Amino acid sequence: MLHIMRHPYASDPYERCLAQLENGGHLVLIEDAVYSWLRDDARLKVLAQSARVSVLSADVSARGIEVCDSVLIDYQGLVTLTEQHTPSMTW
């Protein structure tokens, strides 16, 4: 399952989404959720190590933050992930 997170770190949807990811799937951080990457959240780092988290580059650029290149995706990458993982759920 593909989980697309729009809500920022420490929100109820964020916590519920991460709980769902314990059963597998891939997480994409978009909109204000890209700020989550800046936090020292061990759960995101574990997901990144197993290539199970991506961050939308357009939203990172729009907010003027930096994210490691290994997790960045563009809109085409988001479409590809959506095609690979069904169903998808937006939080």
N, C-alpha and C. Protein backbone atom coordinates (compact mmCIF):
# COMPACT_ATOMS: atom_id res chain seq x y z
N MET A 1 0.85 -1.17 0.00
CA MET A 1 0.00 0.00 0.00
C MET A 1 0.89 1.23 0.00
N LEU A 2 0.48 2.24 -0.73
CA LEU A 2 1.17 3.52 -0.76
C LEU A 2 0.46 4.47 0.19
N HIS A 3 1.20 5.07 1.11
CA HIS A 3 0.66 6.04 2.06
C HIS A 3 1.21 7.41 1.68
N ILE A 4 0.32 8.35 1.39
CA ILE A 4 0.73 9.70 1.02
C ILE A 4 0.38 10.62 2.18
N MET A 5 1.40 11.17 2.82
CA MET A 5 1.20 11.98 4.03
C MET A 5 1.24 13.45 3.69
N ARG A 6 0.16 14.19 4.05
CA ARG A 6 0.07 15.63 3.83
C ARG A 6 0.19 16.41 5.12
N HIS A 7 -0.04 15.77 6.23
CA HIS A 7 -0.07 16.45 7.52
C HIS A 7 1.31 16.47 8.16
N PRO A 8 1.61 17.53 8.89
CA PRO A 8 2.94 17.65 9.49
C PRO A 8 3.17 16.67 10.64
N TYR A 9 4.43 16.61 10.98
CA TYR A 9 4.92 15.80 12.09
C TYR A 9 4.10 16.05 13.36
N ALA A 10 3.90 15.03 14.14
CA ALA A 10 3.22 15.09 15.44
C ALA A 10 1.73 15.36 15.33
N SER A 11 1.13 15.09 14.18
CA SER A 11 -0.32 15.18 14.08
C SER A 11 -0.90 13.78 14.25
N ASP A 12 -2.18 13.71 14.55
CA ASP A 12 -2.82 12.40 14.71
C ASP A 12 -2.74 11.57 13.43
N PRO A 13 -3.04 12.16 12.24
CA PRO A 13 -2.91 11.35 11.02
C PRO A 13 -1.48 10.86 10.79
N TYR A 14 -0.48 11.66 11.12
CA TYR A 14 0.91 11.26 10.97
C TYR A 14 1.20 10.01 11.81
N GLU A 15 0.79 10.04 13.05
CA GLU A 15 1.03 8.90 13.95
C GLU A 15 0.27 7.66 13.49
N ARG A 16 -0.97 7.83 13.05
CA ARG A 16 -1.75 6.68 12.56
C ARG A 16 -1.14 6.10 11.30
N CYS A 17 -0.65 6.97 10.43
CA CYS A 17 -0.03 6.51 9.19
C CYS A 17 1.21 5.68 9.50
N LEU A 18 2.07 6.18 10.38
CA LEU A 18 3.29 5.43 10.71
C LEU A 18 2.95 4.10 11.37
N ALA A 19 1.89 4.06 12.14
CA ALA A 19 1.47 2.79 12.74
C ALA A 19 1.05 1.79 11.65
N GLN A 20 0.38 2.27 10.62
CA GLN A 20 -0.02 1.42 9.50
C GLN A 20 1.18 0.87 8.74
N LEU A 21 2.25 1.65 8.67
CA LEU A 21 3.44 1.25 7.92
C LEU A 21 4.19 0.10 8.57
N GLU A 22 3.89 -0.21 9.81
CA GLU A 22 4.53 -1.36 10.46
C GLU A 22 4.21 -2.64 9.71
N ASN A 23 3.10 -2.64 8.98
CA ASN A 23 2.68 -3.82 8.22
C ASN A 23 3.17 -3.80 6.78
N GLY A 24 4.08 -2.88 6.45
CA GLY A 24 4.61 -2.78 5.09
C GLY A 24 4.06 -1.56 4.37
N GLY A 25 4.48 -1.39 3.15
CA GLY A 25 4.04 -0.27 2.34
C GLY A 25 5.12 0.77 2.17
N HIS A 26 4.78 1.83 1.49
CA HIS A 26 5.71 2.91 1.17
C HIS A 26 5.07 4.23 1.57
N LEU A 27 5.85 5.14 2.12
CA LEU A 27 5.37 6.43 2.57
C LEU A 27 5.93 7.53 1.67
N VAL A 28 5.05 8.45 1.23
CA VAL A 28 5.47 9.62 0.49
C VAL A 28 5.07 10.85 1.30
N LEU A 29 6.04 11.70 1.60
CA LEU A 29 5.77 12.95 2.31
C LEU A 29 5.56 14.06 1.29
N ILE A 30 4.40 14.73 1.36
CA ILE A 30 4.09 15.83 0.47
C ILE A 30 3.59 17.01 1.30
N GLU A 31 3.44 18.15 0.65
CA GLU A 31 2.94 19.37 1.28
C GLU A 31 3.70 19.63 2.58
N ASP A 32 3.00 20.00 3.66
CA ASP A 32 3.68 20.33 4.92
C ASP A 32 4.30 19.12 5.61
N ALA A 33 3.95 17.93 5.18
CA ALA A 33 4.56 16.73 5.79
C ALA A 33 6.04 16.63 5.47
N VAL A 34 6.53 17.37 4.46
CA VAL A 34 7.97 17.31 4.17
C VAL A 34 8.79 17.83 5.34
N TYR A 35 8.19 18.69 6.18
CA TYR A 35 8.90 19.17 7.37
C TYR A 35 9.22 18.03 8.33
N SER A 36 8.47 16.95 8.25
CA SER A 36 8.70 15.78 9.11
C SER A 36 10.11 15.24 8.93
N TRP A 37 10.65 15.37 7.74
CA TRP A 37 11.98 14.83 7.48
C TRP A 37 13.04 15.55 8.30
N LEU A 38 12.78 16.81 8.66
CA LEU A 38 13.75 17.59 9.43
C LEU A 38 13.80 17.15 10.89
N ARG A 39 12.78 16.49 11.36
CA ARG A 39 12.75 16.04 12.75
C ARG A 39 13.63 14.80 12.90
N ASP A 40 14.07 14.54 14.09
CA ASP A 40 14.89 13.36 14.35
C ASP A 40 13.96 12.21 14.71
N ASP A 41 13.25 11.71 13.71
CA ASP A 41 12.29 10.63 13.91
C ASP A 41 12.92 9.33 13.41
N ALA A 42 13.26 8.48 14.33
CA ALA A 42 13.93 7.22 14.00
C ALA A 42 13.09 6.36 13.06
N ARG A 43 11.78 6.46 13.16
CA ARG A 43 10.92 5.65 12.30
C ARG A 43 11.10 6.02 10.83
N LEU A 44 11.23 7.30 10.53
CA LEU A 44 11.46 7.72 9.14
C LEU A 44 12.82 7.28 8.64
N LYS A 45 13.81 7.33 9.51
CA LYS A 45 15.16 6.90 9.11
C LYS A 45 15.19 5.42 8.79
N VAL A 46 14.47 4.62 9.56
CA VAL A 46 14.39 3.18 9.29
C VAL A 46 13.70 2.94 7.96
N LEU A 47 12.63 3.67 7.69
CA LEU A 47 11.93 3.54 6.41
C LEU A 47 12.85 3.94 5.25
N ALA A 48 13.63 4.99 5.44
CA ALA A 48 14.54 5.44 4.40
C ALA A 48 15.62 4.40 4.11
N GLN A 49 16.12 3.76 5.16
CA GLN A 49 17.15 2.74 4.98
C GLN A 49 16.64 1.55 4.18
N SER A 50 15.36 1.28 4.29
CA SER A 50 14.79 0.16 3.55
C SER A 50 14.08 0.64 2.28
N ALA A 51 14.35 1.88 1.86
CA ALA A 51 13.78 2.47 0.63
C ALA A 51 12.26 2.45 0.64
N ARG A 52 11.68 2.76 1.80
CA ARG A 52 10.23 2.75 1.93
C ARG A 52 9.66 4.13 2.24
N VAL A 53 10.46 5.18 2.04
CA VAL A 53 9.96 6.55 2.23
C VAL A 53 10.52 7.42 1.11
N SER A 54 9.67 8.32 0.60
CA SER A 54 10.07 9.28 -0.42
C SER A 54 9.51 10.64 -0.03
N VAL A 55 10.17 11.69 -0.53
CA VAL A 55 9.77 13.06 -0.23
C VAL A 55 9.64 13.80 -1.57
N LEU A 56 8.52 14.47 -1.78
CA LEU A 56 8.26 15.16 -3.04
C LEU A 56 9.14 16.39 -3.17
N SER A 57 10.00 16.40 -4.18
CA SER A 57 11.00 17.46 -4.34
C SER A 57 10.38 18.84 -4.55
N ALA A 58 9.26 18.94 -5.24
CA ALA A 58 8.63 20.24 -5.46
C ALA A 58 8.20 20.88 -4.14
N ASP A 59 7.72 20.08 -3.21
CA ASP A 59 7.29 20.62 -1.93
C ASP A 59 8.48 20.98 -1.05
N VAL A 60 9.58 20.25 -1.19
CA VAL A 60 10.81 20.58 -0.46
C VAL A 60 11.33 21.93 -0.96
N SER A 61 11.38 22.10 -2.27
CA SER A 61 11.87 23.35 -2.86
C SER A 61 10.97 24.53 -2.49
N ALA A 62 9.66 24.32 -2.52
CA ALA A 62 8.72 25.39 -2.20
C ALA A 62 8.87 25.87 -0.77
N ARG A 63 9.35 25.01 0.11
CA ARG A 63 9.49 25.37 1.52
C ARG A 63 10.92 25.75 1.89
N GLY A 64 11.82 25.68 0.92
CA GLY A 64 13.20 26.10 1.15
C GLY A 64 13.96 25.26 2.14
N ILE A 65 13.67 23.95 2.17
CA ILE A 65 14.38 23.07 3.09
C ILE A 65 15.25 22.11 2.30
N GLU A 66 16.12 21.42 2.99
CA GLU A 66 16.99 20.44 2.35
C GLU A 66 16.68 19.04 2.86
N VAL A 67 16.67 18.11 1.93
CA VAL A 67 16.40 16.71 2.22
C VAL A 67 17.43 15.90 1.45
N CYS A 68 17.89 14.81 2.02
CA CYS A 68 18.89 14.00 1.32
C CYS A 68 18.34 13.52 -0.03
N ASP A 69 19.19 13.58 -1.03
CA ASP A 69 18.77 13.26 -2.39
C ASP A 69 18.23 11.85 -2.56
N SER A 70 18.64 10.94 -1.71
CA SER A 70 18.25 9.55 -1.88
C SER A 70 16.75 9.32 -1.68
N VAL A 71 16.06 10.24 -1.02
CA VAL A 71 14.62 10.05 -0.79
C VAL A 71 13.76 10.96 -1.65
N LEU A 72 14.37 11.87 -2.41
CA LEU A 72 13.61 12.82 -3.21
C LEU A 72 13.01 12.16 -4.45
N ILE A 73 11.77 12.52 -4.75
CA ILE A 73 11.12 12.08 -5.99
C ILE A 73 10.45 13.30 -6.61
N ASP A 74 10.25 13.24 -7.92
CA ASP A 74 9.50 14.28 -8.61
C ASP A 74 8.07 13.77 -8.84
N TYR A 75 7.27 14.55 -9.55
CA TYR A 75 5.88 14.14 -9.78
C TYR A 75 5.79 12.83 -10.56
N GLN A 76 6.69 12.63 -11.52
CA GLN A 76 6.69 11.37 -12.26
C GLN A 76 6.99 10.20 -11.32
N GLY A 77 7.90 10.41 -10.37
CA GLY A 77 8.18 9.37 -9.39
C GLY A 77 6.97 9.05 -8.52
N LEU A 78 6.19 10.09 -8.19
CA LEU A 78 4.97 9.87 -7.42
C LEU A 78 3.97 9.06 -8.22
N VAL A 79 3.84 9.36 -9.51
CA VAL A 79 2.94 8.59 -10.37
C VAL A 79 3.40 7.14 -10.44
N THR A 80 4.68 6.93 -10.59
CA THR A 80 5.22 5.57 -10.67
C THR A 80 4.93 4.80 -9.39
N LEU A 81 5.16 5.43 -8.24
CA LEU A 81 4.86 4.76 -6.96
C LEU A 81 3.38 4.44 -6.84
N THR A 82 2.53 5.34 -7.31
CA THR A 82 1.08 5.12 -7.26
C THR A 82 0.70 3.92 -8.12
N GLU A 83 1.36 3.77 -9.26
CA GLU A 83 1.09 2.63 -10.12
C GLU A 83 1.59 1.32 -9.51
N GLN A 84 2.71 1.38 -8.80
CA GLN A 84 3.32 0.18 -8.21
C GLN A 84 2.61 -0.30 -6.96
N HIS A 85 2.03 0.63 -6.21
CA HIS A 85 1.43 0.29 -4.93
C HIS A 85 -0.07 0.58 -4.95
N THR A 86 -0.85 -0.46 -4.96
CA THR A 86 -2.30 -0.27 -4.86
C THR A 86 -2.80 -1.08 -3.70
N PRO A 87 -3.70 -0.55 -2.94
CA PRO A 87 -4.27 0.80 -3.08
C PRO A 87 -3.33 1.84 -2.50
N SER A 88 -3.74 3.11 -2.64
CA SER A 88 -3.00 4.20 -1.99
C SER A 88 -3.96 4.93 -1.05
N MET A 89 -3.38 5.53 -0.04
CA MET A 89 -4.19 6.22 0.97
C MET A 89 -3.52 7.54 1.30
N THR A 90 -4.29 8.62 1.28
CA THR A 90 -3.77 9.93 1.61
C THR A 90 -4.20 10.27 3.03
N TRP A 91 -3.22 10.69 3.82
CA TRP A 91 -3.46 11.02 5.22
C TRP A 91 -3.46 12.50 5.40
